Protein backbone atom coordinates (compact mmCIF):
# COMPACT_ATOMS: atom_id res chain seq x y z
CA MET A 1 -75.73 32.58 104.11
CA LYS A 2 -73.48 34.45 101.12
CA TRP A 3 -71.02 36.62 103.66
CA LEU A 4 -70.24 33.38 105.21
CA LEU A 5 -69.23 31.91 102.09
CA GLN A 6 -67.28 34.65 101.45
CA VAL A 7 -65.45 34.96 104.83
CA SER A 8 -64.70 31.11 104.20
CA ARG A 9 -63.54 31.16 100.75
CA PHE A 10 -61.11 34.29 101.68
CA PHE A 11 -60.16 32.70 105.10
CA VAL A 12 -59.14 29.20 103.11
CA GLY A 13 -57.82 30.58 100.35
CA GLY A 14 -55.52 33.15 101.88
CA LEU A 15 -54.40 30.64 104.36
CA PHE A 16 -53.49 27.93 102.02
CA ILE A 17 -51.92 30.35 99.60
CA PHE A 18 -49.36 31.97 102.60
CA SER A 19 -48.79 28.19 104.10
CA GLY A 20 -47.78 27.10 100.41
CA ALA A 21 -45.74 29.92 99.57
CA ILE A 22 -43.76 29.93 102.43
CA LYS A 23 -42.95 26.15 102.22
CA ILE A 24 -42.16 26.38 98.34
CA ASN A 25 -39.43 29.26 99.35
CA ASP A 26 -37.65 26.18 101.00
CA PRO A 27 -38.98 22.97 99.82
CA VAL A 28 -35.64 21.03 101.06
CA GLY A 29 -37.05 22.04 104.89
CA THR A 30 -40.71 20.35 104.17
CA ALA A 31 -38.84 17.33 102.49
CA ILE A 32 -36.77 17.23 105.58
CA LYS A 33 -40.25 17.12 107.84
CA LEU A 34 -41.97 14.22 105.44
CA GLU A 35 -38.86 12.29 105.87
CA GLU A 36 -39.24 12.44 109.75
CA TYR A 37 -42.84 11.44 109.62
CA PHE A 38 -42.00 8.90 106.96
CA GLU A 39 -39.43 7.31 109.60
CA VAL A 40 -41.60 7.70 112.49
CA PHE A 41 -44.60 6.08 110.38
CA ALA A 42 -42.43 3.15 109.29
CA SER A 43 -41.50 2.83 112.88
CA ASP A 44 -44.86 2.54 114.53
CA ILE A 45 -47.32 1.67 111.93
CA ALA A 46 -45.78 -0.40 108.80
CA SER A 47 -42.41 -0.58 107.43
CA PHE A 48 -43.39 -0.03 104.12
CA PHE A 49 -43.61 3.96 104.80
CA GLU A 50 -39.58 3.80 104.23
CA ILE A 51 -40.21 3.40 100.47
CA PHE A 52 -41.54 7.10 100.88
CA VAL A 53 -38.28 8.57 102.37
CA PRO A 54 -36.24 9.03 98.77
CA LEU A 55 -39.53 10.75 97.49
CA ALA A 56 -39.92 13.21 100.21
CA LEU A 57 -38.48 16.29 98.02
CA PRO A 58 -40.42 15.70 95.14
CA LEU A 59 -43.51 15.32 97.19
CA ALA A 60 -42.79 18.45 99.25
CA VAL A 61 -42.74 20.07 96.27
CA PHE A 62 -45.84 18.82 94.92
CA LEU A 63 -47.55 19.81 98.08
CA CYS A 64 -46.55 22.78 98.49
CA VAL A 65 -47.34 23.92 94.86
CA LEU A 66 -50.67 22.33 95.51
CA GLU A 67 -51.50 24.45 98.25
CA VAL A 68 -50.66 27.41 96.59
CA VAL A 69 -53.12 26.53 93.65
CA LEU A 70 -55.54 25.40 95.58
CA GLY A 71 -55.45 28.51 97.25
CA ILE A 72 -56.08 30.74 94.46
CA ALA A 73 -58.45 28.35 92.91
CA VAL A 74 -60.79 28.81 95.90
CA LEU A 75 -60.40 32.66 95.73
CA LEU A 76 -61.11 32.45 92.17
CA ASN A 77 -64.13 29.83 92.44
CA TYR A 78 -62.14 27.80 89.66
CA ARG A 79 -63.35 24.55 88.95
CA VAL A 80 -65.08 24.52 92.38
CA LYS A 81 -66.23 20.65 92.68
CA ILE A 82 -62.66 19.19 92.00
CA THR A 83 -61.14 22.06 93.76
CA TYR A 84 -63.23 21.34 96.99
CA TRP A 85 -62.89 17.84 96.89
CA LEU A 86 -58.90 18.43 97.04
CA LEU A 87 -59.18 20.68 99.54
CA LEU A 88 -61.02 18.53 101.87
CA ILE A 89 -58.42 15.37 101.22
CA ILE A 90 -55.52 17.45 101.85
CA ILE A 91 -56.57 18.77 105.24
CA VAL A 92 -57.89 15.32 106.18
CA PHE A 93 -54.20 14.25 105.33
CA PHE A 94 -52.41 17.73 107.33
CA THR A 95 -54.87 17.05 110.24
CA PHE A 96 -53.75 13.31 111.05
CA LEU A 97 -50.12 14.50 110.50
CA THR A 98 -50.73 17.38 113.24
CA PHE A 99 -52.62 14.99 115.54
CA TYR A 100 -49.93 12.25 115.56
CA SER A 101 -47.67 14.95 116.22
CA ALA A 102 -49.46 16.45 118.84
CA TYR A 103 -50.88 13.02 120.73
CA PHE A 104 -47.73 10.95 120.46
CA ASP A 105 -45.20 13.61 120.58
CA LYS A 106 -43.38 12.39 117.74
CA VAL A 107 -42.61 15.33 115.39
CA THR A 108 -42.01 18.54 117.84
CA ASP A 109 -42.32 20.82 114.82
CA CYS A 110 -44.73 20.02 111.75
CA GLY A 111 -43.30 22.67 109.43
CA CYS A 112 -46.84 24.12 108.66
CA PHE A 113 -45.33 27.53 107.75
CA GLY A 114 -41.93 26.19 107.56
CA ASP A 115 -39.46 28.32 109.33
CA ALA A 116 -41.16 31.40 109.30
CA ILE A 117 -43.79 30.73 112.20
CA LYS A 118 -43.19 27.79 114.78
CA LEU A 119 -46.19 26.15 115.97
CA THR A 120 -46.16 23.87 118.76
CA PRO A 121 -47.73 20.38 117.79
CA TRP A 122 -50.99 20.96 119.52
CA GLU A 123 -51.34 24.72 117.74
CA SER A 124 -50.70 23.26 114.37
CA PHE A 125 -53.76 20.40 115.15
CA ILE A 126 -55.83 23.20 116.71
CA LYS A 127 -55.30 25.65 113.52
CA ASP A 128 -56.34 22.31 111.37
CA ILE A 129 -59.32 21.82 112.92
CA ILE A 130 -60.45 25.22 112.53
CA LEU A 131 -59.35 25.01 108.98
CA THR A 132 -61.11 21.99 108.50
CA ILE A 133 -64.43 23.32 109.75
CA PHE A 134 -64.11 26.26 107.30
CA ILE A 135 -63.22 23.49 104.57
CA ALA A 136 -66.30 21.39 105.41
CA PHE A 137 -68.77 24.11 105.45
CA LEU A 138 -67.77 25.13 101.88
CA PHE A 139 -67.50 21.26 100.78
CA LEU A 140 -71.01 21.02 102.15
CA LYS A 141 -72.14 24.01 100.03
CA ARG A 142 -70.24 23.47 96.73
CA GLY A 143 -73.13 23.37 94.82
CA LEU A 144 -74.18 26.63 95.65
CA VAL A 145 -70.70 28.50 94.95
CA ALA A 146 -70.38 26.25 91.61
CA SER A 147 -73.94 27.70 90.76
CA GLU A 148 -72.12 31.28 91.19
CA SER A 149 -69.15 30.81 89.46
CA GLU A 150 -68.38 30.72 85.75
CA GLU A 151 -65.56 29.40 84.15
CA SER A 152 -63.19 31.97 81.90
CA ARG A 153 -59.50 31.62 79.98
CA THR A 154 -58.46 34.40 82.55
CA LYS A 155 -58.94 31.79 85.45
CA ASP A 156 -57.14 29.16 83.54
CA ILE A 157 -54.21 31.33 82.46
CA ILE A 158 -53.83 32.50 86.63
CA ILE A 159 -54.07 28.97 87.75
CA GLY A 160 -51.63 27.58 84.94
CA GLY A 161 -49.26 30.72 85.88
CA ALA A 162 -49.27 30.29 89.44
CA THR A 163 -48.46 26.69 88.98
CA ALA A 164 -45.44 27.65 86.76
CA LEU A 165 -44.32 30.45 89.29
CA SER A 166 -44.54 27.83 92.37
CA LEU A 167 -42.45 25.28 90.30
CA PHE A 168 -39.83 27.56 89.31
CA ILE A 169 -39.50 29.35 93.04
CA GLY A 170 -39.26 25.64 94.13
CA ILE A 171 -36.83 24.21 92.22
CA TYR A 172 -34.57 27.17 92.22
CA ALA A 173 -34.81 26.95 95.75
CA ILE A 174 -33.48 23.20 95.45
CA ARG A 175 -30.78 24.09 93.09
CA HIS A 176 -29.58 27.32 95.00
CA LEU A 177 -31.10 28.17 98.32
CA PRO A 178 -34.24 29.69 99.57
CA PHE A 179 -35.02 33.27 98.30
CA ILE A 180 -35.86 34.51 101.87
CA ASP A 181 -34.01 32.59 105.04
CA PHE A 182 -36.17 32.40 107.81
CA ARG A 183 -33.62 30.30 109.91
CA ALA A 184 -31.31 31.74 112.59
CA TYR A 185 -28.47 31.00 110.76
CA LYS A 186 -29.37 33.62 107.82
CA VAL A 187 -26.88 36.20 106.54
CA GLY A 188 -26.41 39.05 109.34
CA ASN A 189 -26.86 36.93 112.31
CA ASN A 190 -24.58 37.22 115.07
CA LEU A 191 -24.49 33.56 116.21
CA PRO A 192 -23.14 33.81 119.99
CA GLU A 193 -25.55 36.47 120.29
CA LEU A 194 -28.75 34.00 119.07
CA MET A 195 -27.43 31.26 121.45
CA GLU A 196 -27.98 33.62 124.49
CA PRO A 197 -31.34 34.90 126.09
CA SER A 198 -32.42 38.27 124.77
CA GLY A 199 -33.74 39.01 127.99
CA GLU A 200 -34.23 37.41 131.70
CA LEU A 201 -35.79 34.52 131.77
CA LYS A 202 -39.02 34.10 134.32
CA TYR A 203 -40.35 30.84 135.61
CA GLU A 204 -43.30 29.68 137.64
CA TYR A 205 -43.18 26.26 139.65
CA VAL A 206 -46.33 24.27 139.12
CA MET A 207 -46.72 22.54 142.61
CA GLU A 208 -49.62 20.28 143.98
CA LYS A 209 -51.06 20.02 147.71
CA ASP A 210 -53.93 18.13 149.14
CA GLY A 211 -55.14 17.16 145.10
CA LYS A 212 -54.86 21.07 144.53
CA GLU A 213 -52.17 22.76 142.07
CA TYR A 214 -51.05 25.50 142.82
CA ARG A 215 -48.57 28.09 140.78
CA MET A 216 -45.87 30.17 142.50
CA GLU A 217 -42.99 32.45 141.11
CA GLN A 218 -40.65 31.23 144.35
CA TYR A 219 -39.89 27.40 145.16
CA PRO A 220 -41.63 27.00 148.36
CA THR A 221 -39.73 25.77 151.26
CA ASP A 222 -42.88 24.01 152.56
CA LYS A 223 -41.92 20.33 152.05
CA SER A 224 -45.47 19.25 151.97
CA TYR A 225 -45.77 20.59 148.33
CA THR A 226 -45.07 18.32 145.53
CA PHE A 227 -43.32 19.51 142.68
CA LYS A 228 -44.81 19.18 139.09
CA GLU A 229 -43.40 21.10 136.74
CA MET A 230 -41.39 24.22 135.86
CA VAL A 231 -43.04 26.36 133.05
CA ILE A 232 -41.14 29.60 131.59
CA LEU A 233 -42.91 32.79 131.61
CA ASN A 234 -41.44 34.70 128.39
CA PRO A 235 -40.55 31.87 126.01
CA GLU A 236 -40.33 34.92 123.34
CA VAL A 237 -36.67 35.49 125.14
CA GLN A 238 -35.21 32.33 125.02
CA PRO A 239 -32.17 32.09 122.88
CA LYS A 240 -32.60 31.15 119.08
CA ILE A 241 -29.97 29.01 118.78
CA THR A 242 -30.05 26.02 121.40
CA ASP A 243 -28.25 23.26 119.71
CA TYR A 244 -25.30 24.09 117.71
CA ALA A 245 -22.31 22.70 118.76
CA VAL A 246 -19.03 21.56 117.03
CA TRP A 247 -16.20 19.18 118.48
CA ASN A 248 -13.96 16.33 117.27
CA ASP A 249 -12.04 13.82 119.43
CA GLU A 250 -9.93 16.26 121.33
CA GLY A 251 -13.04 18.06 122.52
CA ASP A 252 -15.29 20.96 121.96
CA PHE A 253 -14.69 23.51 119.46
CA THR A 254 -17.80 25.62 119.59
CA GLN A 255 -16.73 28.68 120.63
CA GLU A 256 -13.34 28.64 118.34
CA THR A 257 -15.84 28.74 115.13
CA PHE A 258 -16.62 32.35 116.46
CA THR A 259 -13.27 33.44 116.09
CA GLY A 260 -11.85 35.27 113.18
CA ASN A 261 -12.47 34.40 109.50
CA LYS A 262 -13.96 30.92 109.35
CA LEU A 263 -15.12 29.09 106.15
CA PHE A 264 -17.15 26.34 106.78
CA VAL A 265 -17.76 23.17 104.36
CA ILE A 266 -20.65 21.58 105.16
CA THR A 267 -21.19 18.19 104.25
CA TYR A 268 -23.97 16.43 106.74
CA ASN A 269 -24.02 13.30 104.78
CA VAL A 270 -21.15 12.09 102.74
CA GLU A 271 -23.35 9.25 101.22
CA LYS A 272 -25.75 11.75 100.00
CA VAL A 273 -23.14 14.46 98.97
CA ASN A 274 -22.92 15.95 95.47
CA LYS A 275 -18.94 15.62 94.33
CA GLU A 276 -18.91 17.39 91.23
CA HIS A 277 -18.25 21.17 92.65
CA PHE A 278 -15.58 19.72 94.80
CA SER A 279 -12.62 20.93 92.43
CA GLU A 280 -14.05 24.67 92.96
CA ILE A 281 -14.22 24.45 96.60
CA ASN A 282 -10.59 22.91 96.78
CA THR A 283 -9.36 26.08 94.18
CA LEU A 284 -11.16 28.37 96.52
CA ILE A 285 -10.15 27.02 99.79
CA SER A 286 -6.43 27.08 97.90
CA GLN A 287 -6.96 30.88 97.16
CA LEU A 288 -8.01 31.58 100.57
CA SER A 289 -4.76 30.23 102.32
CA GLY A 290 -3.80 32.44 105.07
CA GLN A 291 -6.57 34.81 104.91
CA VAL A 292 -9.75 32.48 105.85
CA ASP A 293 -9.80 29.36 108.19
CA THR A 294 -11.67 26.49 106.35
CA TRP A 295 -13.09 23.77 108.57
CA ALA A 296 -15.01 20.75 107.50
CA LEU A 297 -18.23 20.08 109.39
CA THR A 298 -19.80 16.67 109.17
CA ALA A 299 -22.30 14.16 110.64
CA SER A 300 -21.14 11.38 109.30
CA ASP A 301 -18.88 8.58 110.71
CA PRO A 302 -15.10 9.19 110.95
CA THR A 303 -14.26 6.24 108.88
CA SER A 304 -16.81 7.28 106.19
CA PHE A 305 -15.51 10.97 105.99
CA GLU A 306 -11.81 9.92 106.06
CA ALA A 307 -12.49 7.95 102.78
CA PHE A 308 -14.97 10.68 101.17
CA ARG A 309 -12.48 13.58 102.36
CA HIS A 310 -9.45 11.77 100.35
CA GLU A 311 -11.57 10.89 97.12
CA VAL A 312 -12.51 14.88 96.98
CA GLN A 313 -9.11 15.64 98.28
CA LEU A 314 -10.87 18.05 101.02
CA ALA A 315 -7.58 18.94 102.82
CA VAL A 316 -8.74 20.99 105.92
CA PRO A 317 -9.29 19.83 109.02
CA TYR A 318 -12.73 18.52 109.99
CA TYR A 319 -15.07 18.61 113.18
CA TYR A 320 -18.54 16.80 114.20
CA SER A 321 -21.98 18.49 114.32
CA ASP A 322 -25.44 17.09 114.72
CA ALA A 323 -26.89 16.44 111.15
CA THR A 324 -30.38 18.16 112.06
CA VAL A 325 -28.12 21.22 112.87
CA LEU A 326 -26.14 21.26 109.74
CA LYS A 327 -29.50 20.83 107.38
CA THR A 328 -30.52 23.62 109.40
CA ILE A 329 -27.50 26.02 108.88
CA ILE A 330 -27.78 25.09 104.72
CA ARG A 331 -29.92 23.49 102.86
CA SER A 332 -26.96 22.21 100.48
CA ASN A 333 -24.81 19.24 100.61
CA PRO A 334 -22.46 20.12 100.32
CA GLY A 335 -22.84 24.07 101.66
CA LEU A 336 -20.52 26.84 102.65
CA LEU A 337 -20.80 29.20 105.09
CA LEU A 338 -18.58 32.33 105.71
CA VAL A 339 -18.34 33.63 109.19
CA LYS A 340 -16.44 36.64 110.79
CA ASP A 341 -16.07 36.58 114.36
CA GLY A 342 -19.45 34.89 114.75
CA LEU A 343 -21.16 36.85 112.33
CA VAL A 344 -22.49 35.09 109.13
CA LYS A 345 -21.54 36.78 106.19
CA GLY A 346 -22.04 34.89 103.53
CA LYS A 347 -23.72 31.26 102.48
CA TRP A 348 -23.62 29.44 99.01
CA HIS A 349 -24.90 26.13 97.50
CA PHE A 350 -22.69 23.91 95.87
CA ASN A 351 -23.98 25.12 92.37
CA ASP A 352 -22.89 28.60 93.24
CA VAL A 353 -19.52 28.37 94.45
CA PRO A 354 -18.23 31.81 95.00
CA THR A 355 -15.00 33.83 93.98
CA ALA A 356 -11.84 33.99 96.50
CA TYR A 357 -12.88 37.45 95.53
CA ASP A 358 -16.51 37.33 96.47
CA VAL A 359 -15.28 36.35 100.08
CA GLN A 360 -12.95 38.21 100.39
CA SER A 361 -15.18 41.47 99.71
CA LEU A 362 -17.68 40.16 102.09
CA LEU A 363 -14.94 40.25 105.00
CA ARG A 364 -13.73 43.86 104.29
């Protein structure tokens, strides 16, 4: 029994620490997922869920820090009874979210491990079911675990330190950018290459005939077969970027974003944009004139963006892109993205507007 308790503790604690650490590195990404859930629940269950949308970011930080601290508490046998109650509550909450995503096909990526490890909704749900089993076992045996644990000043210091460090990482990532960028638009990535498959895509056709299902590599010429679906056999070679597009009223300009030196001022929502640093951004644009083409990218409507750009005196051509894509590119509104011939050279939060020298150095 003791070895099973030990295995369960290390499995649950380790997974909670890993999951929480990945997400606290990018709390804005977690907040975006929570917003999606709240909007879906407001539409499908009850409208009062809308009140949680503005609270998504602080809730994201709280949940991520809680995951890390609970994981460490499990490994340390720290305050076992309250720790295991919290574990049970949080896993029931997460399991409900992943089940809802999987069964109703609402939020196709739960963000369980941020952008580091992508899981399908059903994979996420199965992961949570396995975790629930281990946590339920620990919960039922919490009396035995508690009897063998001792509270100490050292444990208090470790838990307090882990809480403080997690909060620091989360707040830093919000005020700047994540320490580690797991997304396809990170510095050093070649965007045009990531929009192409990394290998030859292979498919199989799922057909039905006389009530039986058949899987074939070639589409059958026999018309007695009924087509059901086409399944990709090597999804790992699919393009990492599938939804990037830039356009305006004159047409599509996606390929033009990959030519020459481009500085993109990304403002996905002008209603939520921070306007304090646009004087610095405008100064940077002026100093780079003739060396770098500056474009503004937005998901806001033309009327709103026109009024906004005149207010902040953003005198650059602007184009449209999908809001989700822009949020994926950079966790800042506004944010700056530097691209040279499709290669990402730099990314900056609005709190870290670079100097012209910094930009020029990256382009050499």
